[in-house]
C-alpha cells in the first residue's frame, strides 16, 4: 500500500533541478526566516506563525506545509531543515530520494548558539547572513547584560516547573546578570509548598502570558499568585525560551523593553 505514493512522487523528486529549502518544525523555521532569501523558502512548518515563533510576522509571506514525505517530495527541495520535526518514515524517505537533511542541534549555551548559527548558515550557503545575525545577537547580549544587577532570580512556569543554571533559561538569566536560584542544575517540578519557602529578589515567569498554560494548578494557586504579585517580576517572552537559539537574546531585549 505504501508503494503507490512513493512511486508517484519519486519522479517529482528527481525531475529537473531541485531548489529551495523546506523547514519541518518551528525551531527550524527561525533559521530559514532569518538566513534564507525569500525565493529560497519552499515551505515552513504549520507552527511558523505560532506566538512562540520569533519571526512569526515574516512567516506570513510563506506557505506552511505538513511534514509528510509526499508533501516534501512534491516540492522538490534541495534540502530539508529540521530540529525535531518529521518522523522516521519521512527522514528515511528523504534519504532514499537523495534529499539532504540539515539537522539543527539544541545549543546548551550562548557560545554554542553562535557556533550553531554559523554552522547552519554555511550549510544553507548563507554565511554572511549568519555573521550578520551573530552581530545582532552580540548587540542584544550587551543590552541585556546588566538587567539583573547580580540579584537572585527564580524561574517559574504555570505548570510549576523551575529551571537550574545548566538549562537554556538559566543561561539566559545568567547572561542578564542574575544569579539563578534553584536546587538543581536542570528543569524540575517545584510544588507550591516548596515555592513558598524560597525568597528570590526577582521572579522570572515563563509562559505566564499563555492562557492555556495558566489553567495549570500550580501557577493558579492563590498563595503562589499572591507571593508573585508582591515581588518584582520579569516575564520571559515565549519566543526566547521555546527554542534554544541565537535570537533568544533579541527576544529578551524586546521583551524587557531595552
Protein backbone atom coordinates (compact mmCIF):
# COMPACT_ATOMS: atom_id res chain seq x y z
CA UNK A 1 0.00 0.00 0.00
CA UNK A 2 2.92 2.36 0.63
CA UNK A 3 4.47 1.79 -2.79
CA UNK A 4 1.84 3.80 -4.64
CA UNK A 5 2.61 7.25 -3.21
CA UNK A 6 6.34 6.62 -3.34
CA UNK A 7 6.24 5.61 -7.00
CA UNK A 8 4.06 8.57 -7.88
CA UNK A 9 6.24 11.14 -6.16
CA UNK A 10 9.68 9.67 -6.85
CA UNK A 11 9.85 11.13 -10.37
CA UNK A 12 8.86 14.51 -8.98
CA UNK A 13 11.75 14.48 -6.55
CA UNK A 14 14.23 13.67 -9.29
CA UNK A 15 12.80 15.68 -12.17
CA UNK A 16 14.56 18.93 -13.04
CA UNK A 17 16.69 20.99 -10.70
CA UNK A 18 15.93 20.79 -7.00
CA UNK A 19 15.70 24.17 -5.38
CA UNK A 20 14.60 25.79 -2.16
CA UNK A 21 14.52 24.69 1.45
CA UNK A 22 11.65 23.12 3.38
CA UNK A 23 11.55 23.58 7.16
CA UNK A 24 9.93 20.82 9.21
CA UNK A 25 9.37 22.47 12.61
CA UNK A 26 9.02 25.82 14.33
CA UNK A 27 12.59 25.99 15.63
CA UNK A 28 13.96 25.27 12.16
CA UNK A 29 11.58 27.90 10.73
CA UNK A 30 13.52 30.62 12.55
CA UNK A 31 16.76 29.68 10.79
CA UNK A 32 15.01 29.66 7.42
CA UNK A 33 13.32 33.00 8.01
CA UNK A 34 16.47 34.70 9.30
CA UNK A 35 19.03 33.31 6.86
CA UNK A 36 17.37 32.49 3.54
CA UNK A 37 16.32 34.80 0.71
CA UNK A 38 12.56 34.72 0.13
CA UNK A 39 12.80 32.71 -3.07
CA UNK A 40 14.78 30.01 -1.25
CA UNK A 41 11.99 29.18 1.22
CA UNK A 42 9.82 26.45 -0.30
CA UNK A 43 7.80 25.84 2.84
CA UNK A 44 7.61 26.34 6.59
CA UNK A 45 6.06 24.26 9.35
CA UNK A 46 2.45 24.55 10.46
CA UNK A 47 3.63 26.36 13.63
CA UNK A 48 5.58 29.07 11.82
CA UNK A 49 3.04 31.73 12.86
CA UNK A 50 2.56 30.44 16.41
CA UNK A 51 3.03 33.03 19.20
CA UNK A 52 6.18 31.14 20.27
CA UNK A 53 7.75 31.78 16.84
CA UNK A 54 10.12 34.76 16.98
CA UNK A 55 9.86 35.51 13.25
CA UNK A 56 6.12 34.80 13.05
CA UNK A 57 5.40 38.08 11.25
CA UNK A 58 7.87 37.21 8.50
CA UNK A 59 6.28 33.77 8.22
CA UNK A 60 3.01 35.25 6.95
CA UNK A 61 4.51 35.60 3.46
CA UNK A 62 5.31 31.89 3.07
CA UNK A 63 3.29 28.69 2.64
CA UNK A 64 3.05 26.34 5.59
CA UNK A 65 3.42 22.64 4.84
CA UNK A 66 2.71 19.39 6.62
CA UNK A 67 5.81 17.40 7.49
CA UNK A 68 4.90 14.41 5.32
CA UNK A 69 7.01 12.60 2.75
CA UNK A 70 4.50 13.14 -0.06
CA UNK A 71 4.29 16.88 0.61
CA UNK A 72 8.04 17.40 0.76
CA UNK A 73 8.79 15.31 -2.34
CA UNK A 74 6.24 17.27 -4.35
CA UNK A 75 8.11 20.49 -3.53
CA UNK A 76 11.43 19.11 -4.88
CA UNK A 77 13.64 20.94 -2.34
CA UNK A 78 17.41 20.79 -2.47
CA UNK A 79 17.43 20.33 1.32
CA UNK A 80 15.21 19.99 4.36
CA UNK A 81 15.87 21.84 7.62
CA UNK A 82 14.88 20.36 10.98
CA UNK A 83 15.47 20.30 14.71
CA UNK A 84 12.85 17.77 15.88
CA UNK A 85 10.27 17.78 13.08
CA UNK A 86 9.49 14.79 10.88
CA UNK A 87 9.07 11.12 11.75
CA UNK A 88 11.33 8.19 10.89
CA UNK A 89 9.43 7.38 7.69
CA UNK A 90 9.87 10.92 6.42
CA UNK A 91 13.57 11.07 7.21
CA UNK A 92 14.34 7.67 5.68
CA UNK A 93 12.27 8.57 2.62
CA UNK A 94 14.17 11.82 2.11
CA UNK A 95 17.46 9.96 2.39
CA UNK A 96 16.27 7.37 -0.15
CA UNK A 97 15.45 10.17 -2.60
CA UNK A 98 18.81 11.87 -2.11
CA UNK A 99 17.44 14.97 -0.39
CA UNK A 100 19.83 16.49 2.14
CA UNK A 101 18.56 16.81 5.72
CA UNK A 102 20.22 19.65 7.62
CA UNK A 103 19.96 18.71 11.29
CA UNK A 104 19.98 21.60 13.76
CA UNK A 105 21.26 20.92 17.28
CA UNK A 106 19.95 22.38 20.53
CA UNK A 107 22.79 24.55 21.87
CA UNK A 108 23.32 24.43 25.62
CA UNK A 109 24.77 27.93 26.00
CA UNK A 110 25.39 31.20 24.18
CA UNK A 111 28.76 30.24 22.60
CA UNK A 112 27.17 27.04 21.29
CA UNK A 113 24.23 29.02 19.91
CA UNK A 114 26.62 31.26 17.98
CA UNK A 115 28.53 28.26 16.63
CA UNK A 116 25.32 26.52 15.56
CA UNK A 117 24.07 29.65 13.80
CA UNK A 118 27.30 29.95 11.81
CA UNK A 119 27.38 26.22 11.02
CA UNK A 120 23.81 26.17 9.73
CA UNK A 121 24.40 29.39 7.81
CA UNK A 122 27.28 27.72 5.99
CA UNK A 123 25.18 24.64 5.19
CA UNK A 124 22.43 26.90 3.84
CA UNK A 125 25.04 28.73 1.71
CA UNK A 126 24.37 31.95 3.61
CA UNK A 127 27.49 32.51 5.77
CA UNK A 128 27.32 36.30 5.54
CA UNK A 129 23.72 36.42 6.70
CA UNK A 130 24.67 34.19 9.61
CA UNK A 131 27.51 36.55 10.54
CA UNK A 132 25.07 39.46 10.43
CA UNK A 133 22.72 37.60 12.79
CA UNK A 134 25.65 36.84 15.11
CA UNK A 135 26.44 40.55 15.31
CA UNK A 136 22.80 41.31 16.13
CA UNK A 137 22.97 38.70 18.88
CA UNK A 138 26.10 40.37 20.32
CA UNK A 139 24.33 43.72 20.42
CA UNK A 140 21.32 42.21 22.19
CA UNK A 141 23.53 40.39 24.70
CA UNK A 142 25.26 43.66 25.55
CA UNK A 143 21.91 45.40 26.00
CA UNK A 144 20.57 42.83 28.48
CA UNK A 145 23.82 42.10 30.32
CA UNK A 146 23.19 44.48 33.25
CA UNK A 147 19.49 43.83 33.74
CA UNK A 148 19.87 41.54 36.75
CA UNK A 149 22.48 43.51 38.71
CA UNK A 150 23.61 40.31 40.43
CA UNK A 151 20.27 39.65 42.12
CA UNK A 152 18.79 36.23 42.86
CA UNK A 153 16.11 35.08 40.43
CA UNK A 154 13.71 32.14 40.46
CA UNK A 155 12.21 30.90 37.20
CA UNK A 156 8.65 29.58 37.44
CA UNK A 157 6.01 28.39 34.99
CA UNK A 158 2.24 27.92 35.38
CA UNK A 159 2.77 24.16 35.44
CA UNK A 160 5.08 24.52 38.44
CA UNK A 161 8.45 23.97 36.80
CA UNK A 162 11.64 25.83 37.56
CA UNK A 163 15.00 25.91 35.77
CA UNK A 164 18.53 25.49 37.03
CA UNK A 165 21.71 27.20 35.80
CA UNK A 166 22.52 24.50 33.22
CA UNK A 167 19.30 24.97 31.25
CA UNK A 168 18.72 27.35 28.34
CA UNK A 169 16.54 29.51 30.59
CA UNK A 170 19.29 29.53 33.20
CA UNK A 171 21.82 30.51 30.55
CA UNK A 172 19.71 33.49 29.50
CA UNK A 173 19.20 34.62 33.09
CA UNK A 174 22.92 34.37 33.83
CA UNK A 175 23.61 36.37 30.67
CA UNK A 176 21.32 39.05 32.09
CA UNK A 177 23.49 39.09 35.25
CA UNK A 178 21.06 37.26 37.51
CA UNK A 179 22.02 34.55 40.00
CA UNK A 180 19.77 31.59 39.29
CA UNK A 181 18.14 30.28 42.46
CA UNK A 182 17.44 26.57 42.08
CA UNK A 183 18.01 23.37 43.97
CA UNK A 184 19.20 21.51 40.88
CA UNK A 185 21.05 22.19 37.63
CA UNK A 186 18.25 21.35 35.20
CA UNK A 187 14.45 21.59 34.91
CA UNK A 188 12.44 20.27 37.85
CA UNK A 189 8.98 20.45 39.34
CA UNK A 190 8.62 22.90 42.22
CA UNK A 191 5.48 22.35 44.27
CA UNK A 192 3.55 25.36 45.59
CA UNK A 193 4.67 24.39 49.10
CA UNK A 194 8.34 24.41 48.10
CA UNK A 195 7.85 27.60 46.07
CA UNK A 196 6.55 29.45 49.11
CA UNK A 197 9.71 28.69 51.12
CA UNK A 198 12.01 30.43 48.63
CA UNK A 199 12.84 34.14 48.75
CA UNK A 200 14.36 35.34 45.48
CA UNK A 201 14.80 39.01 44.67
CA UNK A 202 13.02 38.57 41.35
CA UNK A 203 10.66 36.05 39.78
CA UNK A 204 11.24 35.21 36.13
CA UNK A 205 7.94 33.95 34.75
CA UNK A 206 7.80 31.68 31.73
CA UNK A 207 4.67 31.11 29.62
CA UNK A 208 2.53 33.14 32.02
CA UNK A 209 1.14 35.02 29.02
CA UNK A 210 -0.21 31.69 27.68
CA UNK A 211 -3.90 31.38 28.64
CA UNK A 212 -3.84 27.62 28.13
CA UNK A 213 -0.77 27.18 30.32
CA UNK A 214 -2.36 29.35 33.01
CA UNK A 215 -5.04 26.71 33.51
CA UNK A 216 -2.42 24.59 35.28
CA UNK A 217 -3.00 24.12 39.00
CA UNK A 218 0.40 25.16 40.37
CA UNK A 219 0.51 28.55 38.69
CA UNK A 220 -3.05 29.36 39.81
CA UNK A 221 -2.51 28.53 43.48
CA UNK A 222 -3.76 31.62 45.35
CA UNK A 223 -0.75 31.79 47.69
CA UNK A 224 1.65 31.41 44.76
CA UNK A 225 -0.08 34.19 42.86
CA UNK A 226 -0.14 36.42 45.93
CA UNK A 227 3.58 35.98 46.52
CA UNK A 228 4.41 36.67 42.88
CA UNK A 229 2.18 39.75 42.88
CA UNK A 230 4.08 41.19 45.84
CA UNK A 231 7.52 40.76 44.30
CA UNK A 232 9.43 42.20 41.36
CA UNK A 233 8.92 40.05 38.27
CA UNK A 234 10.12 39.77 34.72
CA UNK A 235 8.21 37.86 32.07
CA UNK A 236 10.38 35.83 29.73
CA UNK A 237 8.87 36.11 26.23
CA UNK A 238 7.91 32.66 24.97
CA UNK A 239 9.93 33.05 21.71
CA UNK A 240 13.06 33.48 23.85
CA UNK A 241 12.63 30.14 25.61
CA UNK A 242 10.65 27.97 23.19
CA UNK A 243 13.78 27.10 21.17
CA UNK A 244 17.47 27.23 22.09
CA UNK A 245 18.87 29.66 19.53
CA UNK A 246 20.81 32.85 18.92
CA UNK A 247 17.74 35.09 18.55
CA UNK A 248 16.68 34.40 22.16
CA UNK A 249 18.83 37.36 23.18
CA UNK A 250 16.92 39.63 20.80
CA UNK A 251 13.60 38.27 22.06
CA UNK A 252 14.67 39.00 25.64
CA UNK A 253 15.81 42.51 24.71
CA UNK A 254 12.46 43.26 23.11
CA UNK A 255 10.54 41.58 25.92
CA UNK A 256 12.09 43.64 28.71
CA UNK A 257 11.97 46.85 26.66
CA UNK A 258 15.71 47.53 26.31
